[in-house]
């Protein structure tokens, strides 16, 4: 297949659009993770212990970001949430 034919493959452009969407989601997830880090630090600072719900949320969000990175770097063709199920503890 020539370079021109390669460039015109529709599936590659569709994947590129998905990649743009997931790159945007990744940016938002970074902000949410930063907020979780700050809130968790403040809670530990004042209460002496981490919030369990934030621990779980941070862990799940970290796993989701990992799935997004795998997709963006072509390590998988499986699209992350919302195109697949959200990953939970029992999945890892």
PDB file of N, CA and C in Angstrom:
ATOM      1  N   UNK A   1       0.848  -1.182   0.000  1.00  0.00           N
ATOM      2  CA  UNK A   1       0.000   0.000   0.000  1.00  0.00           C
ATOM      3  C   UNK A   1       0.895   1.248   0.000  1.00  0.00           C
ATOM      4  N   UNK A   2       0.595   2.168  -0.873  1.00  0.00           N
ATOM      5  CA  UNK A   2       1.404   3.382  -0.966  1.00  0.00           C
ATOM      6  C   UNK A   2       1.126   4.313   0.218  1.00  0.00           C
ATOM      7  N   UNK A   3       1.986   5.293   0.358  1.00  0.00           N
ATOM      8  CA  UNK A   3       1.830   6.268   1.442  1.00  0.00           C
ATOM      9  C   UNK A   3       0.501   7.005   1.289  1.00  0.00           C
ATOM     10  N   UNK A   4       0.161   7.370   0.070  1.00  0.00           N
ATOM     11  CA  UNK A   4      -1.096   8.079  -0.165  1.00  0.00           C
ATOM     12  C   UNK A   4      -2.284   7.217   0.252  1.00  0.00           C
ATOM     13  N   UNK A   5      -2.256   5.956  -0.090  1.00  0.00           N
ATOM     14  CA  UNK A   5      -3.326   5.043   0.302  1.00  0.00           C
ATOM     15  C   UNK A   5      -3.380   4.884   1.824  1.00  0.00           C
ATOM     16  N   UNK A   6      -2.204   4.828   2.455  1.00  0.00           N
ATOM     17  CA  UNK A   6      -2.134   4.723   3.917  1.00  0.00           C
ATOM     18  C   UNK A   6      -2.785   5.931   4.583  1.00  0.00           C
ATOM     19  N   UNK A   7      -2.496   7.097   4.055  1.00  0.00           N
ATOM     20  CA  UNK A   7      -3.022   8.341   4.633  1.00  0.00           C
ATOM     21  C   UNK A   7      -4.534   8.438   4.456  1.00  0.00           C
ATOM     22  N   UNK A   8      -5.060   7.845   3.426  1.00  0.00           N
ATOM     23  CA  UNK A   8      -6.484   7.947   3.142  1.00  0.00           C
ATOM     24  C   UNK A   8      -7.341   6.869   3.805  1.00  0.00           C
ATOM     25  N   UNK A   9      -6.741   6.009   4.610  1.00  0.00           N
ATOM     26  CA  UNK A   9      -7.504   4.960   5.297  1.00  0.00           C
ATOM     27  C   UNK A   9      -8.409   5.616   6.339  1.00  0.00           C
ATOM     28  N   UNK A  10      -9.713   5.427   6.165  1.00  0.00           N
ATOM     29  CA  UNK A  10     -10.719   6.083   7.004  1.00  0.00           C
ATOM     30  C   UNK A  10     -10.581   5.707   8.483  1.00  0.00           C
ATOM     31  N   UNK A  11     -10.301   4.439   8.764  1.00  0.00           N
ATOM     32  CA  UNK A  11     -10.194   3.986  10.161  1.00  0.00           C
ATOM     33  C   UNK A  11      -9.099   4.723  10.927  1.00  0.00           C
ATOM     34  N   UNK A  12      -8.032   5.070  10.258  1.00  0.00           N
ATOM     35  CA  UNK A  12      -6.949   5.808  10.919  1.00  0.00           C
ATOM     36  C   UNK A  12      -7.414   7.195  11.333  1.00  0.00           C
ATOM     37  N   UNK A  13      -8.210   7.840  10.495  1.00  0.00           N
ATOM     38  CA  UNK A  13      -8.717   9.175  10.822  1.00  0.00           C
ATOM     39  C   UNK A  13      -9.735   9.105  11.956  1.00  0.00           C
ATOM     40  N   UNK A  14     -10.553   8.074  11.955  1.00  0.00           N
ATOM     41  CA  UNK A  14     -11.523   7.909  13.041  1.00  0.00           C
ATOM     42  C   UNK A  14     -10.789   7.695  14.353  1.00  0.00           C
ATOM     43  N   UNK A  15      -9.738   6.847  14.326  1.00  0.00           N
ATOM     44  CA  UNK A  15      -8.958   6.642  15.542  1.00  0.00           C
ATOM     45  C   UNK A  15      -8.307   7.949  15.988  1.00  0.00           C
ATOM     46  N   UNK A  16      -7.849   8.728  15.043  1.00  0.00           N
ATOM     47  CA  UNK A  16      -7.261  10.031  15.357  1.00  0.00           C
ATOM     48  C   UNK A  16      -8.244  10.945  16.082  1.00  0.00           C
ATOM     49  N   UNK A  17      -9.497  10.914  15.653  1.00  0.00           N
ATOM     50  CA  UNK A  17     -10.525  11.713  16.332  1.00  0.00           C
ATOM     51  C   UNK A  17     -10.748  11.204  17.763  1.00  0.00           C
ATOM     52  N   UNK A  18     -10.806   9.889  17.924  1.00  0.00           N
ATOM     53  CA  UNK A  18     -10.923   9.327  19.277  1.00  0.00           C
ATOM     54  C   UNK A  18      -9.723   9.734  20.132  1.00  0.00           C
ATOM     55  N   UNK A  19      -8.554   9.735  19.523  1.00  0.00           N
ATOM     56  CA  UNK A  19      -7.351  10.112  20.262  1.00  0.00           C
ATOM     57  C   UNK A  19      -7.430  11.561  20.734  1.00  0.00           C
ATOM     58  N   UNK A  20      -7.965  12.444  19.910  1.00  0.00           N
ATOM     59  CA  UNK A  20      -8.145  13.845  20.322  1.00  0.00           C
ATOM     60  C   UNK A  20      -9.096  13.938  21.511  1.00  0.00           C
ATOM     61  N   UNK A  21     -10.181  13.184  21.456  1.00  0.00           N
ATOM     62  CA  UNK A  21     -11.148  13.183  22.567  1.00  0.00           C
ATOM     63  C   UNK A  21     -10.481  12.677  23.839  1.00  0.00           C
ATOM     64  N   UNK A  22      -9.750  11.574  23.735  1.00  0.00           N
ATOM     65  CA  UNK A  22      -9.115  11.017  24.927  1.00  0.00           C
ATOM     66  C   UNK A  22      -7.948  11.875  25.422  1.00  0.00           C
ATOM     67  N   UNK A  23      -7.289  12.590  24.544  1.00  0.00           N
ATOM     68  CA  UNK A  23      -6.247  13.522  24.991  1.00  0.00           C
ATOM     69  C   UNK A  23      -6.879  14.651  25.802  1.00  0.00           C
ATOM     70  N   UNK A  24      -8.050  15.115  25.382  1.00  0.00           N
ATOM     71  CA  UNK A  24      -8.786  16.131  26.133  1.00  0.00           C
ATOM     72  C   UNK A  24      -9.224  15.582  27.494  1.00  0.00           C
ATOM     73  N   UNK A  25      -9.774  14.374  27.496  1.00  0.00           N
ATOM     74  CA  UNK A  25     -10.183  13.729  28.751  1.00  0.00           C
ATOM     75  C   UNK A  25      -8.988  13.557  29.682  1.00  0.00           C
ATOM     76  N   UNK A  26      -7.841  13.188  29.118  1.00  0.00           N
ATOM     77  CA  UNK A  26      -6.619  13.037  29.907  1.00  0.00           C
ATOM     78  C   UNK A  26      -6.249  14.353  30.603  1.00  0.00           C
ATOM     79  N   UNK A  27      -6.369  15.450  29.892  1.00  0.00           N
ATOM     80  CA  UNK A  27      -6.075  16.762  30.479  1.00  0.00           C
ATOM     81  C   UNK A  27      -7.002  17.084  31.640  1.00  0.00           C
ATOM     82  N   UNK A  28      -8.271  16.774  31.479  1.00  0.00           N
ATOM     83  CA  UNK A  28      -9.226  16.995  32.569  1.00  0.00           C
ATOM     84  C   UNK A  28      -8.906  16.090  33.747  1.00  0.00           C
ATOM     85  N   UNK A  29      -8.579  14.832  33.450  1.00  0.00           N
ATOM     86  CA  UNK A  29      -8.245  13.882  34.515  1.00  0.00           C
ATOM     87  C   UNK A  29      -7.028  14.347  35.310  1.00  0.00           C
ATOM     88  N   UNK A  30      -6.052  14.950  34.640  1.00  0.00           N
ATOM     89  CA  UNK A  30      -4.881  15.493  35.346  1.00  0.00           C
ATOM     90  C   UNK A  30      -5.303  16.547  36.363  1.00  0.00           C
ATOM     91  N   UNK A  31      -6.218  17.417  35.977  1.00  0.00           N
ATOM     92  CA  UNK A  31      -6.704  18.451  36.897  1.00  0.00           C
ATOM     93  C   UNK A  31      -7.446  17.841  38.086  1.00  0.00           C
ATOM     94  N   UNK A  32      -8.258  16.834  37.800  1.00  0.00           N
ATOM     95  CA  UNK A  32      -9.002  16.171  38.881  1.00  0.00           C
ATOM     96  C   UNK A  32      -8.036  15.464  39.837  1.00  0.00           C
ATOM     97  N   UNK A  33      -7.024  14.814  39.291  1.00  0.00           N
ATOM     98  CA  UNK A  33      -6.028  14.145  40.138  1.00  0.00           C
ATOM     99  C   UNK A  33      -5.307  15.172  41.005  1.00  0.00           C
ATOM    100  N   UNK A  34      -4.955  16.313  40.434  1.00  0.00           N
ATOM    101  CA  UNK A  34      -4.297  17.364  41.214  1.00  0.00           C
ATOM    102  C   UNK A  34      -5.200  17.827  42.352  1.00  0.00           C
ATOM    103  N   UNK A  35      -6.496  17.969  42.080  1.00  0.00           N
ATOM    104  CA  UNK A  35      -7.440  18.373  43.127  1.00  0.00           C
ATOM    105  C   UNK A  35      -7.532  17.311  44.215  1.00  0.00           C
ATOM    106  N   UNK A  36      -7.576  16.048  43.823  1.00  0.00           N
ATOM    107  CA  UNK A  36      -7.630  14.954  44.805  1.00  0.00           C
ATOM    108  C   UNK A  36      -6.380  14.967  45.674  1.00  0.00           C
ATOM    109  N   UNK A  37      -5.238  15.174  45.066  1.00  0.00           N
ATOM    110  CA  UNK A  37      -3.969  15.221  45.814  1.00  0.00           C
ATOM    111  C   UNK A  37      -4.002  16.346  46.847  1.00  0.00           C
ATOM    112  N   UNK A  38      -4.422  17.513  46.436  1.00  0.00           N
ATOM    113  CA  UNK A  38      -4.456  18.665  47.347  1.00  0.00           C
ATOM    114  C   UNK A  38      -5.464  18.440  48.473  1.00  0.00           C
ATOM    115  N   UNK A  39      -6.657  17.984  48.116  1.00  0.00           N
ATOM    116  CA  UNK A  39      -7.688  17.746  49.139  1.00  0.00           C
ATOM    117  C   UNK A  39      -7.234  16.666  50.113  1.00  0.00           C
ATOM    118  N   UNK A  40      -6.665  15.599  49.585  1.00  0.00           N
ATOM    119  CA  UNK A  40      -6.205  14.514  50.461  1.00  0.00           C
ATOM    120  C   UNK A  40      -5.096  15.005  51.393  1.00  0.00           C
ATOM    121  N   UNK A  41      -4.184  15.814  50.884  1.00  0.00           N
ATOM    122  CA  UNK A  41      -3.116  16.358  51.724  1.00  0.00           C
ATOM    123  C   UNK A  41      -3.691  17.215  52.850  1.00  0.00           C
ATOM    124  N   UNK A  42      -4.630  18.076  52.515  1.00  0.00           N
ATOM    125  CA  UNK A  42      -5.244  18.940  53.530  1.00  0.00           C
ATOM    126  C   UNK A  42      -5.970  18.097  54.579  1.00  0.00           C
ATOM    127  N   UNK A  43      -6.684  17.075  54.136  1.00  0.00           N
ATOM    128  CA  UNK A  43      -7.383  16.205  55.083  1.00  0.00           C
ATOM    129  C   UNK A  43      -6.409  15.487  56.014  1.00  0.00           C
ATOM    130  N   UNK A  44      -5.328  14.981  55.460  1.00  0.00           N
ATOM    131  CA  UNK A  44      -4.322  14.306  56.291  1.00  0.00           C
ATOM    132  C   UNK A  44      -3.666  15.306  57.242  1.00  0.00           C
ATOM    133  N   UNK A  45      -3.436  16.497  56.759  1.00  0.00           N
ATOM    134  CA  UNK A  45      -2.817  17.537  57.570  1.00  0.00           C
ATOM    135  C   UNK A  45      -3.670  17.864  58.798  1.00  0.00           C
ATOM    136  N   UNK A  46      -4.992  17.961  58.612  1.00  0.00           N
ATOM    137  CA  UNK A  46      -5.868  18.372  59.703  1.00  0.00           C
ATOM    138  C   UNK A  46      -6.482  17.218  60.498  1.00  0.00           C
ATOM    139  N   UNK A  47      -6.677  16.058  59.865  1.00  0.00           N
ATOM    140  CA  UNK A  47      -7.318  14.948  60.582  1.00  0.00           C
ATOM    141  C   UNK A  47      -6.355  13.824  60.930  1.00  0.00           C
ATOM    142  N   UNK A  48      -5.210  13.787  60.267  1.00  0.00           N
ATOM    143  CA  UNK A  48      -4.235  12.738  60.535  1.00  0.00           C
ATOM    144  C   UNK A  48      -4.472  11.461  59.754  1.00  0.00           C
ATOM    145  N   UNK A  49      -5.522  11.419  58.937  1.00  0.00           N
ATOM    146  CA  UNK A  49      -5.769  10.208  58.149  1.00  0.00           C
ATOM    147  C   UNK A  49      -6.355  10.574  56.793  1.00  0.00           C
ATOM    148  N   UNK A  50      -6.124   9.677  55.840  1.00  0.00           N
ATOM    149  CA  UNK A  50      -6.614   9.886  54.481  1.00  0.00           C
ATOM    150  C   UNK A  50      -8.092   9.511  54.391  1.00  0.00           C
ATOM    151  N   UNK A  51      -8.803  10.186  53.515  1.00  0.00           N
ATOM    152  CA  UNK A  51     -10.207   9.892  53.263  1.00  0.00           C
ATOM    153  C   UNK A  51     -10.297   8.634  52.402  1.00  0.00           C
ATOM    154  N   UNK A  52     -10.997   7.617  52.898  1.00  0.00           N
ATOM    155  CA  UNK A  52     -11.076   6.334  52.200  1.00  0.00           C
ATOM    156  C   UNK A  52     -11.764   6.436  50.837  1.00  0.00           C
ATOM    157  N   UNK A  53     -12.793   7.245  50.755  1.00  0.00           N
ATOM    158  CA  UNK A  53     -13.490   7.388  49.478  1.00  0.00           C
ATOM    159  C   UNK A  53     -12.595   8.066  48.439  1.00  0.00           C
ATOM    160  N   UNK A  54     -11.812   9.049  48.879  1.00  0.00           N
ATOM    161  CA  UNK A  54     -10.878   9.691  47.954  1.00  0.00           C
ATOM    162  C   UNK A  54      -9.757   8.737  47.551  1.00  0.00           C
ATOM    163  N   UNK A  55      -9.344   7.868  48.466  1.00  0.00           N
ATOM    164  CA  UNK A  55      -8.328   6.869  48.127  1.00  0.00           C
ATOM    165  C   UNK A  55      -8.824   5.984  46.987  1.00  0.00           C
ATOM    166  N   UNK A  56     -10.045   5.491  47.130  1.00  0.00           N
ATOM    167  CA  UNK A  56     -10.617   4.635  46.094  1.00  0.00           C
ATOM    168  C   UNK A  56     -10.813   5.369  44.778  1.00  0.00           C
ATOM    169  N   UNK A  57     -11.316   6.598  44.866  1.00  0.00           N
ATOM    170  CA  UNK A  57     -11.528   7.396  43.661  1.00  0.00           C
ATOM    171  C   UNK A  57     -10.197   7.675  42.958  1.00  0.00           C
ATOM    172  N   UNK A  58      -9.182   8.048  43.726  1.00  0.00           N
ATOM    173  CA  UNK A  58      -7.869   8.326  43.151  1.00  0.00           C
ATOM    174  C   UNK A  58      -7.267   7.096  42.494  1.00  0.00           C
ATOM    175  N   UNK A  59      -7.431   5.936  43.132  1.00  0.00           N
ATOM    176  CA  UNK A  59      -6.921   4.683  42.565  1.00  0.00           C
ATOM    177  C   UNK A  59      -7.628   4.366  41.247  1.00  0.00           C
ATOM    178  N   UNK A  60      -8.966   4.467  41.248  1.00  0.00           N
ATOM    179  CA  UNK A  60      -9.727   4.179  40.031  1.00  0.00           C
ATOM    180  C   UNK A  60      -9.404   5.174  38.914  1.00  0.00           C
ATOM    181  N   UNK A  61      -9.261   6.437  39.270  1.00  0.00           N
ATOM    182  CA  UNK A  61      -8.935   7.447  38.269  1.00  0.00           C
ATOM    183  C   UNK A  61      -7.537   7.213  37.701  1.00  0.00           C
ATOM    184  N   UNK A  62      -6.605   6.816  38.549  1.00  0.00           N
ATOM    185  CA  UNK A  62      -5.263   6.491  38.084  1.00  0.00           C
ATOM    186  C   UNK A  62      -5.268   5.332  37.100  1.00  0.00           C
ATOM    187  N   UNK A  63      -6.068   4.331  37.380  1.00  0.00           N
ATOM    188  CA  UNK A  63      -6.183   3.189  36.474  1.00  0.00           C
ATOM    189  C   UNK A  63      -6.812   3.609  35.145  1.00  0.00           C
ATOM    190  N   UNK A  64      -7.798   4.491  35.230  1.00  0.00           N
ATOM    191  CA  UNK A  64      -8.439   4.987  34.019  1.00  0.00           C
ATOM    192  C   UNK A  64      -7.440   5.763  33.162  1.00  0.00           C
ATOM    193  N   UNK A  65      -6.659   6.623  33.793  1.00  0.00           N
ATOM    194  CA  UNK A  65      -5.641   7.390  33.071  1.00  0.00           C
ATOM    195  C   UNK A  65      -4.647   6.436  32.406  1.00  0.00           C
ATOM    196  N   UNK A  66      -4.304   5.366  33.099  1.00  0.00           N
ATOM    197  CA  UNK A  66      -3.403   4.358  32.529  1.00  0.00           C
ATOM    198  C   UNK A  66      -4.014   3.760  31.260  1.00  0.00           C
ATOM    199  N   UNK A  67      -5.302   3.443  31.296  1.00  0.00           N
ATOM    200  CA  UNK A  67      -5.977   2.895  30.117  1.00  0.00           C
ATOM    201  C   UNK A  67      -5.986   3.910  28.970  1.00  0.00           C
ATOM    202  N   UNK A  68      -6.209   5.169  29.297  1.00  0.00           N
ATOM    203  CA  UNK A  68      -6.194   6.219  28.273  1.00  0.00           C
ATOM    204  C   UNK A  68      -4.809   6.310  27.644  1.00  0.00           C
ATOM    205  N   UNK A  69      -3.774   6.281  28.459  1.00  0.00           N
ATOM    206  CA  UNK A  69      -2.403   6.364  27.942  1.00  0.00           C
ATOM    207  C   UNK A  69      -2.095   5.169  27.043  1.00  0.00           C
ATOM    208  N   UNK A  70      -2.530   3.979  27.447  1.00  0.00           N
ATOM    209  CA  UNK A  70      -2.311   2.804  26.595  1.00  0.00           C
ATOM    210  C   UNK A  70      -2.972   2.985  25.232  1.00  0.00           C
ATOM    211  N   UNK A  71      -4.171   3.546  25.227  1.00  0.00           N
ATOM    212  CA  UNK A  71      -4.871   3.772  23.962  1.00  0.00           C
ATOM    213  C   UNK A  71      -4.161   4.843  23.129  1.00  0.00           C
ATOM    214  N   UNK A  72      -3.780   5.934  23.766  1.00  0.00           N
ATOM    215  CA  UNK A  72      -3.140   7.030  23.040  1.00  0.00           C
ATOM    216  C   UNK A  72      -1.792   6.636  22.445  1.00  0.00           C
ATOM    217  N   UNK A  73      -1.102   5.701  23.083  1.00  0.00           N
ATOM    218  CA  UNK A  73       0.226   5.292  22.612  1.00  0.00           C
ATOM    219  C   UNK A  73       0.180   4.040  21.746  1.00  0.00           C
ATOM    220  N   UNK A  74      -1.014   3.658  21.298  1.00  0.00           N
ATOM    221  CA  UNK A  74      -1.207   2.511  20.414  1.00  0.00           C
ATOM    222  C   UNK A  74      -0.828   1.179  21.058  1.00  0.00           C
ATOM    223  N   UNK A  75      -0.782   1.125  22.380  1.00  0.00           N
ATOM    224  CA  UNK A  75      -0.525  -0.145  23.048  1.00  0.00           C
ATOM    225  C   UNK A  75      -1.767  -1.012  23.118  1.00  0.00           C
ATOM    226  N   UNK A  76      -2.918  -0.432  22.851  1.00  0.00           N
ATOM    227  CA  UNK A  76      -4.162  -1.176  22.793  1.00  0.00           C
ATOM    228  C   UNK A  76      -5.113  -0.484  21.822  1.00  0.00           C
ATOM    229  N   UNK A  77      -5.988  -1.266  21.247  1.00  0.00           N
ATOM    230  CA  UNK A  77      -7.039  -0.719  20.388  1.00  0.00           C
ATOM    231  C   UNK A  77      -8.344  -0.592  21.173  1.00  0.00           C
ATOM    232  N   UNK A  78      -8.344  -1.063  22.415  1.00  0.00           N
ATOM    233  CA  UNK A  78      -9.546  -1.029  23.243  1.00  0.00           C
ATOM    234  C   UNK A  78      -9.737   0.371  23.819  1.00  0.00           C
ATOM    235  N   UNK A  79     -10.857   0.991  23.454  1.00  0.00           N
ATOM    236  CA  UNK A  79     -11.132   2.340  23.933  1.00  0.00           C
ATOM    237  C   UNK A  79     -11.543   2.296  25.409  1.00  0.00           C
ATOM    238  N   UNK A  80     -11.039   3.240  26.206  1.00  0.00           N
ATOM    239  CA  UNK A  80     -11.428   3.306  27.619  1.00  0.00           C
ATOM    240  C   UNK A  80     -12.877   3.772  27.792  1.00  0.00           C
ATOM    241  N   UNK A  81     -13.321   3.850  29.041  1.00  0.00           N
ATOM    242  CA  UNK A  81     -14.635   4.373  29.384  1.00  0.00           C
ATOM    243  C   UNK A  81     -14.813   5.728  28.700  1.00  0.00           C
ATOM    244  N   UNK A  82     -15.903   6.054  28.120  1.00  0.00           N
ATOM    245  CA  UNK A  82     -17.240   5.465  28.203  1.00  0.00           C
ATOM    246  C   UNK A  82     -17.535   4.431  27.126  1.00  0.00           C
ATOM    247  N   UNK A  83     -16.533   4.030  26.352  1.00  0.00           N
ATOM    248  CA  UNK A  83     -16.752   3.035  25.310  1.00  0.00           C
ATOM    249  C   UNK A  83     -16.612   1.612  25.838  1.00  0.00           C
ATOM    250  N   UNK A  84     -16.056   1.459  27.022  1.00  0.00           N
ATOM    251  CA  UNK A  84     -15.956   0.182  27.723  1.00  0.00           C
ATOM    252  C   UNK A  84     -16.313   0.414  29.180  1.00  0.00           C
ATOM    253  N   UNK A  85     -16.395  -0.655  29.939  1.00  0.00           N
ATOM    254  CA  UNK A  85     -16.754  -0.549  31.350  1.00  0.00           C
ATOM    255  C   UNK A  85     -15.676   0.178  32.142  1.00  0.00           C
ATOM    256  N   UNK A  86     -16.105   0.846  33.203  1.00  0.00           N
ATOM    257  CA  UNK A  86     -15.184   1.475  34.153  1.00  0.00           C
ATOM    258  C   UNK A  86     -14.474   0.365  34.916  1.00  0.00           C
ATOM    259  N   UNK A  87     -13.172   0.498  35.120  1.00  0.00           N
ATOM    260  CA  UNK A  87     -12.394  -0.514  35.826  1.00  0.00           C
ATOM    261  C   UNK A  87     -12.549  -0.351  37.326  1.00  0.00           C
ATOM    262  N   UNK A  88     -12.773  -1.467  38.000  1.00  0.00           N
ATOM    263  CA  UNK A  88     -12.895  -1.496  39.449  1.00  0.00           C
ATOM    264  C   UNK A  88     -11.811  -2.399  40.036  1.00  0.00           C
ATOM    265  N   UNK A  89     -11.726  -2.416  41.358  1.00  0.00           N
ATOM    266  CA  UNK A  89     -10.707  -3.213  42.046  1.00  0.00           C
ATOM    267  C   UNK A  89     -10.664  -4.672  41.580  1.00  0.00           C
ATOM    268  N   UNK A  90     -11.834  -5.276  41.419  1.00  0.00           N
ATOM    269  CA  UNK A  90     -11.857  -6.695  41.067  1.00  0.00           C
ATOM    270  C   UNK A  90     -11.332  -6.948  39.667  1.00  0.00           C
ATOM    271  N   UNK A  91     -11.210  -5.909  38.829  1.00  0.00           N
ATOM    272  CA  UNK A  91     -10.697  -6.060  37.486  1.00  0.00           C
ATOM    273  C   UNK A  91      -9.168  -6.081  37.433  1.00  0.00           C
ATOM    274  N   UNK A  92      -8.513  -5.684  38.515  1.00  0.00           N
ATOM    275  CA  UNK A  92      -7.044  -5.591  38.511  1.00  0.00           C
ATOM    276  C   UNK A  92      -6.444  -6.659  39.352  1.00  0.00           C
TER     277      UNK A  92
END
